[in-house]
C-alpha atoms as a PDB file:
ATOM      1  CA  MET A   1     -15.754  -3.895  11.400  1.00  0.00           C
ATOM      2  CA  PRO A   2     -15.052  -1.197   8.791  1.00  0.00           C
ATOM      3  CA  THR A   3     -12.448  -1.808   6.094  1.00  0.00           C
ATOM      4  CA  HIS A   4     -10.574   0.430   3.695  1.00  0.00           C
ATOM      5  CA  ALA A   5      -8.388  -0.271   0.665  1.00  0.00           C
ATOM      6  CA  ALA A   6      -6.054   2.135  -1.104  1.00  0.00           C
ATOM      7  CA  SER A   7      -3.155   2.018  -3.545  1.00  0.00           C
ATOM      8  CA  LEU A   8       0.153   3.817  -3.289  1.00  0.00           C
ATOM      9  CA  SER A   9       2.684   4.087  -6.110  1.00  0.00           C
ATOM     10  CA  VAL A  10       6.314   4.949  -5.398  1.00  0.00           C
ATOM     11  CA  ARG A  11       8.559   6.125  -8.205  1.00  0.00           C
ATOM     12  CA  SER A  12      12.129   5.037  -7.708  1.00  0.00           C
ATOM     13  CA  SER A  13      15.414   6.035  -9.253  1.00  0.00           C
ATOM     14  CA  GLY A  14      17.155   2.717  -8.833  1.00  0.00           C
ATOM     15  CA  LYS A  15      18.313   0.755  -5.844  1.00  0.00           C
ATOM     16  CA  GLY A  16      17.885   2.262  -2.421  1.00  0.00           C
ATOM     17  CA  THR A  17      15.357   2.697   0.328  1.00  0.00           C
ATOM     18  CA  TYR A  18      12.307   4.891   0.141  1.00  0.00           C
ATOM     19  CA  GLU A  19      10.506   6.268   3.186  1.00  0.00           C
ATOM     20  CA  ILE A  20       6.735   5.783   2.823  1.00  0.00           C
ATOM     21  CA  THR A  21       5.635   6.284   6.436  1.00  0.00           C
ATOM     22  CA  CYS A  22       4.002   9.679   5.790  1.00  0.00           C
ATOM     23  CA  GLN A  23       2.059   8.363   2.791  1.00  0.00           C
ATOM     24  CA  ILE A  24       0.800   5.351   4.784  1.00  0.00           C
ATOM     25  CA  GLU A  25      -0.171   7.582   7.734  1.00  0.00           C
ATOM     26  CA  LYS A  26      -2.092   9.882   5.360  1.00  0.00           C
ATOM     27  CA  ILE A  27      -4.008   6.977   3.809  1.00  0.00           C
ATOM     28  CA  ILE A  28      -4.922   5.690   7.267  1.00  0.00           C
ATOM     29  CA  ALA A  29      -6.023   9.141   8.464  1.00  0.00           C
ATOM     30  CA  GLU A  30      -8.142   9.696   5.347  1.00  0.00           C
ATOM     31  CA  SER A  31      -9.857   6.336   5.876  1.00  0.00           C
ATOM     32  CA  GLY A  32     -11.483   7.608   9.064  1.00  0.00           C
ATOM     33  CA  ILE A  33     -10.685   4.323  10.801  1.00  0.00           C
ATOM     34  CA  THR A  34      -9.071   4.873  14.206  1.00  0.00           C
ATOM     35  CA  THR A  35      -8.516   1.322  15.447  1.00  0.00           C
ATOM     36  CA  GLY A  36      -7.318  -1.735  13.573  1.00  0.00           C
ATOM     37  CA  THR A  37      -4.486  -3.201  11.576  1.00  0.00           C
ATOM     38  CA  ALA A  38      -2.849  -1.828   8.432  1.00  0.00           C
ATOM     39  CA  THR A  39      -1.538  -4.284   5.859  1.00  0.00           C
ATOM     40  CA  VAL A  40       1.046  -3.038   3.354  1.00  0.00           C
ATOM     41  CA  PHE A  41       1.772  -5.263   0.353  1.00  0.00           C
ATOM     42  CA  VAL A  42       4.535  -4.795  -2.234  1.00  0.00           C
ATOM     43  CA  GLN A  43       3.632  -6.256  -5.623  1.00  0.00           C
ATOM     44  CA  HIS A  44       6.998  -6.509  -7.330  1.00  0.00           C
ATOM     45  CA  THR A  45       9.507  -9.340  -7.550  1.00  0.00           C
ATOM     46  CA  SER A  46      12.586  -7.195  -6.888  1.00  0.00           C
ATOM     47  CA  ALA A  47      11.147  -5.000  -4.134  1.00  0.00           C
ATOM     48  CA  SER A  48      10.720  -5.611  -0.441  1.00  0.00           C
ATOM     49  CA  LEU A  49       9.173  -3.930   2.549  1.00  0.00           C
ATOM     50  CA  VAL A  50      11.382  -3.228   5.562  1.00  0.00           C
ATOM     51  CA  ILE A  51       9.973  -2.111   8.876  1.00  0.00           C
ATOM     52  CA  MET A  52      12.648  -0.539  11.050  1.00  0.00           C
ATOM     53  CA  GLU A  53      13.221   2.095  13.676  1.00  0.00           C
ATOM     54  CA  ASN A  54      14.009   5.466  12.162  1.00  0.00           C
ATOM     55  CA  ALA A  55      15.267   7.221  15.313  1.00  0.00           C
ATOM     56  CA  ASP A  56      18.953   6.806  14.447  1.00  0.00           C
ATOM     57  CA  PRO A  57      19.928   8.039  10.956  1.00  0.00           C
ATOM     58  CA  SER A  58      22.843   5.580  10.879  1.00  0.00           C
ATOM     59  CA  ALA A  59      20.393   2.652  10.821  1.00  0.00           C
ATOM     60  CA  ARG A  60      19.463   3.421   7.216  1.00  0.00           C
ATOM     61  CA  THR A  61      23.130   3.903   6.292  1.00  0.00           C
ATOM     62  CA  ASP A  62      23.960   0.544   7.869  1.00  0.00           C
ATOM     63  CA  LEU A  63      21.121  -1.105   5.937  1.00  0.00           C
ATOM     64  CA  HIS A  64      22.410   0.337   2.636  1.00  0.00           C
ATOM     65  CA  ALA A  65      25.943  -0.872   3.447  1.00  0.00           C
ATOM     66  CA  PHE A  66      24.633  -4.361   4.225  1.00  0.00           C
ATOM     67  CA  PHE A  67      22.695  -4.571   0.949  1.00  0.00           C
ATOM     68  CA  ASP A  68      25.684  -3.236  -1.030  1.00  0.00           C
ATOM     69  CA  HIS A  69      27.810  -5.997   0.530  1.00  0.00           C
ATOM     70  CA  LEU A  70      25.141  -8.656  -0.013  1.00  0.00           C
ATOM     71  CA  VAL A  71      24.345  -7.677  -3.614  1.00  0.00           C
ATOM     72  CA  PRO A  72      27.105  -5.447  -5.047  1.00  0.00           C
END
């Protein structure tokens, strides 16, 4: 089974969410692998990876509101 490894750096301007779907899709496409599993790992103590539906723009707004309430 073929494997591929790549790194992706995301510059941030503080708290918030950052859409990385396009960057991940590009890395996968460039790998030439068409079937398999992609593993995304965040190597930072104050960052997290959220996988969510992006069809409704209010979902991201709701997520921001929740985090602002949880950690003002």
